[in-house]
N, C-alpha and C. Protein backbone atom coordinates (compact mmCIF):
# COMPACT_ATOMS: atom_id res chain seq x y z
N MET A 1 0.91 -1.13 -0.09
CA MET A 1 -0.02 0.20 -0.15
C MET A 1 0.89 1.35 0.12
N LYS A 2 2.00 1.07 0.34
CA LYS A 2 2.96 2.44 0.65
C LYS A 2 3.32 2.76 -0.93
N GLY A 3 3.38 1.86 -1.84
CA GLY A 3 3.59 2.33 -3.27
C GLY A 3 2.40 3.05 -3.75
N LEU A 4 1.10 2.59 -3.48
CA LEU A 4 -0.10 3.32 -3.94
C LEU A 4 -0.11 4.81 -3.34
N GLN A 5 0.21 4.85 -2.17
CA GLN A 5 -0.04 6.26 -1.51
C GLN A 5 0.94 7.09 -2.15
N GLN A 6 2.13 6.75 -2.45
CA GLN A 6 3.15 7.61 -3.02
C GLN A 6 2.86 7.85 -4.45
N ILE A 7 2.19 7.11 -5.13
CA ILE A 7 1.62 7.46 -6.47
C ILE A 7 0.46 8.51 -6.27
N LYS A 8 -0.39 8.26 -5.31
CA LYS A 8 -1.58 9.24 -5.26
C LYS A 8 -1.02 10.71 -4.62
N SER A 9 0.04 10.56 -3.98
CA SER A 9 0.35 11.92 -3.45
C SER A 9 1.42 12.72 -4.76
N GLU A 10 2.02 11.91 -5.62
CA GLU A 10 2.53 12.48 -6.68
C GLU A 10 1.43 12.92 -7.78
N ILE A 11 0.37 12.35 -7.64
CA ILE A 11 -0.73 12.71 -8.55
C ILE A 11 -1.34 13.91 -8.30
N ASP A 12 -1.72 13.90 -6.77
CA ASP A 12 -2.19 15.20 -6.42
C ASP A 12 -1.13 16.46 -6.46
N GLN A 13 0.23 16.05 -6.26
CA GLN A 13 1.09 16.90 -6.58
C GLN A 13 1.11 17.81 -7.84
N LEU A 14 1.17 16.78 -8.79
CA LEU A 14 0.90 17.43 -10.33
C LEU A 14 -0.17 17.96 -10.53
N ALA A 15 -1.38 17.45 -10.12
CA ALA A 15 -2.93 18.25 -10.25
C ALA A 15 -2.64 19.65 -9.78
N ASN A 16 -1.86 19.78 -8.41
CA ASN A 16 -1.97 21.24 -7.94
C ASN A 16 -1.08 21.98 -8.74
N ASN A 17 -0.02 21.42 -9.21
CA ASN A 17 0.98 22.43 -10.06
C ASN A 17 0.65 22.76 -11.35
N SER A 18 -0.34 21.93 -11.96
CA SER A 18 -0.84 21.95 -13.47
C SER A 18 -2.26 22.42 -13.33
N ASN A 19 -2.82 22.81 -12.42
CA ASN A 19 -4.31 23.36 -12.30
C ASN A 19 -5.24 22.61 -12.98
N LYS A 20 -5.04 21.09 -13.00
CA LYS A 20 -6.00 20.18 -13.28
C LYS A 20 -6.52 19.13 -12.59
N THR A 21 -7.45 18.46 -12.71
CA THR A 21 -7.84 17.53 -11.75
C THR A 21 -7.29 16.24 -11.77
N GLU A 22 -7.34 15.40 -10.68
CA GLU A 22 -6.56 14.23 -10.70
C GLU A 22 -6.90 13.26 -11.77
N LEU A 23 -8.12 13.29 -12.22
CA LEU A 23 -8.55 12.52 -13.34
C LEU A 23 -8.01 12.88 -14.67
N GLU A 24 -7.92 14.15 -14.70
CA GLU A 24 -7.32 14.62 -15.98
C GLU A 24 -5.89 14.48 -16.26
N VAL A 25 -5.32 14.45 -14.95
CA VAL A 25 -3.72 13.95 -15.01
C VAL A 25 -3.55 12.47 -15.26
N VAL A 26 -4.57 11.53 -14.55
CA VAL A 26 -4.44 10.24 -14.95
C VAL A 26 -4.89 9.90 -16.44
N ASP A 27 -5.76 10.63 -16.85
CA ASP A 27 -6.10 10.42 -18.25
C ASP A 27 -5.01 10.90 -19.28
N ALA A 28 -4.19 11.97 -18.89
CA ALA A 28 -3.02 12.30 -19.72
C ALA A 28 -1.92 11.44 -19.73
N LEU A 29 -1.55 10.79 -18.58
CA LEU A 29 -0.69 9.70 -18.40
C LEU A 29 -1.03 8.61 -19.09
N HIS A 30 -2.35 7.97 -19.15
CA HIS A 30 -2.75 6.79 -19.88
C HIS A 30 -2.61 7.27 -21.28
N LYS A 31 -2.98 8.33 -21.88
CA LYS A 31 -2.79 8.65 -23.18
C LYS A 31 -1.32 8.53 -23.49
N TYR A 32 -0.19 9.24 -22.69
CA TYR A 32 1.02 9.28 -23.05
C TYR A 32 1.55 7.49 -23.08
N TYR A 33 1.43 6.85 -22.36
CA TYR A 33 1.78 5.40 -22.19
C TYR A 33 1.22 4.66 -23.16
N PHE A 34 -0.18 4.80 -23.54
CA PHE A 34 -0.71 4.28 -24.49
C PHE A 34 -0.01 4.44 -26.02
N ASN A 35 0.20 5.66 -26.45
CA ASN A 35 1.01 6.27 -27.42
C ASN A 35 2.41 5.73 -27.58
N LYS A 36 2.98 5.52 -26.53
CA LYS A 36 4.38 5.08 -26.32
C LYS A 36 4.38 3.45 -26.67
N ALA A 37 3.22 2.74 -26.13
CA ALA A 37 3.09 1.23 -26.40
C ALA A 37 2.78 1.08 -28.01
N VAL A 38 1.77 1.86 -28.46
CA VAL A 38 1.51 1.71 -29.79
C VAL A 38 2.48 1.80 -30.78
N THR A 39 3.46 3.14 -30.43
CA THR A 39 4.53 3.45 -31.46
C THR A 39 5.75 1.98 -31.49
N ALA A 40 5.86 1.57 -30.26
CA ALA A 40 6.70 0.24 -30.47
C ALA A 40 6.23 -0.77 -30.95
N GLU A 41 4.64 -0.88 -30.94
CA GLU A 41 4.17 -1.99 -31.77
C GLU A 41 4.14 -1.88 -33.12
N ILE A 42 4.09 -0.42 -33.47
CA ILE A 42 3.98 -0.10 -34.94
C ILE A 42 5.47 -0.49 -35.57
N LYS A 43 6.52 -0.30 -34.87
CA LYS A 43 7.88 -0.53 -35.27
C LYS A 43 7.81 -2.17 -35.52
N HIS A 44 7.28 -3.00 -34.56
CA HIS A 44 7.12 -4.39 -35.00
C HIS A 44 6.45 -4.86 -36.16
N TYR A 45 5.30 -4.07 -36.41
CA TYR A 45 4.61 -4.34 -37.40
C TYR A 45 5.14 -4.02 -38.85
N LYS A 46 5.90 -2.78 -38.79
CA LYS A 46 6.71 -2.41 -39.97
C LYS A 46 7.71 -3.33 -40.29
N LYS A 47 8.37 -4.00 -39.17
CA LYS A 47 9.53 -5.11 -39.50
C LYS A 47 8.96 -6.36 -39.85
N LYS A 48 7.73 -6.52 -39.63
CA LYS A 48 6.88 -7.75 -39.89
C LYS A 48 7.43 -8.88 -38.76
N THR A 49 7.57 -8.56 -37.71
CA THR A 49 7.93 -9.36 -36.68
C THR A 49 6.66 -9.90 -35.82
N LYS A 50 5.78 -9.38 -35.92
CA LYS A 50 4.56 -9.46 -35.02
C LYS A 50 3.27 -9.27 -36.12
N LYS A 51 2.34 -10.05 -36.03
CA LYS A 51 1.07 -9.82 -36.83
C LYS A 51 0.10 -8.79 -36.31
N VAL A 52 -0.78 -8.28 -36.77
CA VAL A 52 -2.03 -7.66 -36.39
C VAL A 52 -2.78 -8.31 -35.16
N ALA A 53 -3.03 -9.40 -35.24
CA ALA A 53 -3.89 -10.08 -34.20
C ALA A 53 -2.95 -10.15 -32.81
N GLN A 54 -1.83 -10.62 -32.98
CA GLN A 54 -0.79 -10.52 -31.68
C GLN A 54 -0.52 -9.01 -31.20
N ILE A 55 -0.67 -7.83 -31.94
CA ILE A 55 -0.61 -6.66 -31.45
C ILE A 55 -1.68 -6.05 -30.97
N THR A 56 -2.92 -6.43 -31.54
CA THR A 56 -4.17 -5.99 -30.96
C THR A 56 -4.57 -6.79 -29.60
N LYS A 57 -3.88 -7.96 -29.50
CA LYS A 57 -4.04 -8.63 -28.22
C LYS A 57 -3.12 -8.18 -27.21
N ASP A 58 -1.93 -7.71 -27.38
CA ASP A 58 -1.03 -6.98 -26.45
C ASP A 58 -1.69 -5.72 -26.06
N LEU A 59 -2.28 -5.00 -27.10
CA LEU A 59 -2.60 -3.61 -26.68
C LEU A 59 -4.14 -3.45 -26.05
N LYS A 60 -4.78 -4.75 -26.20
CA LYS A 60 -6.26 -4.98 -25.92
C LYS A 60 -7.09 -3.99 -26.36
N ILE A 61 -6.98 -3.94 -28.12
CA ILE A 61 -7.87 -3.03 -28.60
C ILE A 61 -8.31 -3.91 -29.69
N SER A 62 -9.15 -3.32 -30.45
CA SER A 62 -9.75 -4.04 -31.74
C SER A 62 -9.10 -3.90 -32.93
N HIS A 63 -9.04 -4.69 -33.94
CA HIS A 63 -8.13 -4.63 -35.08
C HIS A 63 -8.68 -3.62 -35.91
N ARG A 64 -9.92 -3.05 -35.90
CA ARG A 64 -10.19 -1.71 -36.33
C ARG A 64 -9.61 -0.47 -35.85
N ARG A 65 -9.44 -0.54 -34.66
CA ARG A 65 -8.82 0.62 -33.98
C ARG A 65 -7.47 0.64 -34.22
N PHE A 66 -6.94 -0.40 -34.43
CA PHE A 66 -5.45 -0.62 -34.80
C PHE A 66 -5.19 -0.04 -36.27
N TYR A 67 -6.13 -0.37 -37.06
CA TYR A 67 -5.74 0.05 -38.37
C TYR A 67 -6.42 1.35 -38.57
N LYS A 68 -7.11 1.99 -37.75
CA LYS A 68 -7.56 3.43 -37.73
C LYS A 68 -6.37 4.15 -37.08
N ILE A 69 -5.39 3.59 -36.47
CA ILE A 69 -4.20 4.31 -35.73
C ILE A 69 -3.11 4.38 -36.82
N LEU A 70 -3.10 3.31 -37.57
CA LEU A 70 -2.18 3.11 -38.70
C LEU A 70 -2.55 4.09 -39.61
N GLU A 71 -3.97 4.18 -39.98
CA GLU A 71 -4.18 5.35 -40.86
C GLU A 71 -3.60 6.90 -40.64
N ASP A 72 -4.01 6.92 -39.24
CA ASP A 72 -3.74 8.42 -38.54
C ASP A 72 -2.28 8.57 -38.82
N LYS A 73 -1.51 7.41 -38.42
CA LYS A 73 -0.08 7.87 -38.57
C LYS A 73 0.59 7.57 -39.71
N LYS A 74 -0.24 7.63 -40.82
CA LYS A 74 0.25 7.23 -42.29
C LYS A 74 1.31 6.22 -42.56
N VAL A 75 0.71 5.14 -41.89
CA VAL A 75 1.79 3.93 -42.02
C VAL A 75 0.99 3.10 -43.10
N GLU A 76 1.67 2.57 -44.00
CA GLU A 76 0.95 1.61 -45.03
C GLU A 76 0.71 0.29 -44.72
N PHE A 77 -0.48 -0.11 -45.07
CA PHE A 77 -0.87 -1.61 -44.72
C PHE A 77 -1.69 -1.97 -45.76
N THR A 78 -2.12 -3.21 -45.98
CA THR A 78 -2.84 -3.78 -46.78
C THR A 78 -4.34 -3.78 -46.69
N LYS A 79 -5.36 -3.45 -47.63
CA LYS A 79 -6.76 -3.39 -47.28
C LYS A 79 -7.17 -4.44 -47.96
N TYR A 80 -8.10 -5.15 -47.24
CA TYR A 80 -9.03 -6.33 -47.97
C TYR A 80 -10.48 -5.95 -48.16
N ASN A 81 -10.69 -6.17 -49.26
CA ASN A 81 -12.09 -6.22 -49.77
C ASN A 81 -12.76 -7.51 -49.63
N LYS A 82 -13.80 -7.33 -48.62
CA LYS A 82 -14.59 -8.52 -48.26
C LYS A 82 -15.90 -8.79 -48.82
N SER A 83 -16.42 -7.61 -49.93
CA SER A 83 -17.54 -7.74 -50.25
C SER A 83 -17.62 -8.75 -51.31
N LYS A 84 -19.04 -9.36 -51.51
CA LYS A 84 -19.18 -10.63 -52.27
C LYS A 84 -19.35 -10.03 -53.92
N ASP A 85 -19.62 -8.72 -54.02
CA ASP A 85 -19.57 -8.71 -55.55
C ASP A 85 -18.64 -8.87 -56.33
N ASN A 86 -17.48 -8.80 -55.82
CA ASN A 86 -16.12 -8.85 -56.64
C ASN A 86 -15.77 -10.69 -56.75
N VAL A 87 -16.63 -11.30 -56.22
CA VAL A 87 -16.18 -12.70 -56.21
C VAL A 87 -16.69 -13.37 -57.42
N GLU A 88 -15.85 -13.88 -58.33
CA GLU A 88 -15.91 -14.28 -59.58
C GLU A 88 -16.24 -15.92 -59.50
N GLU A 89 -17.48 -16.34 -60.21
CA GLU A 89 -17.71 -18.12 -60.29
C GLU A 89 -17.03 -18.45 -61.20
């Protein structure tokens, strides 16, 4: 419990110094560390050492959200068309 009390006191201190609420500070920290993890996973994706399924499992996000992140960061990826109109018999 000593570690949690230390973390809470540091969050309170950051909140007082930045004129934000504790929840805003925690949300900003979450965004920072999530973006850091996504950047590391994108490096693996570019090197083709990890597949999308493994990356989304590690990040605990959906594959659609991961593709949206790739689109936003302008990383090339293959789009598959699953419409039945293009299927030749």
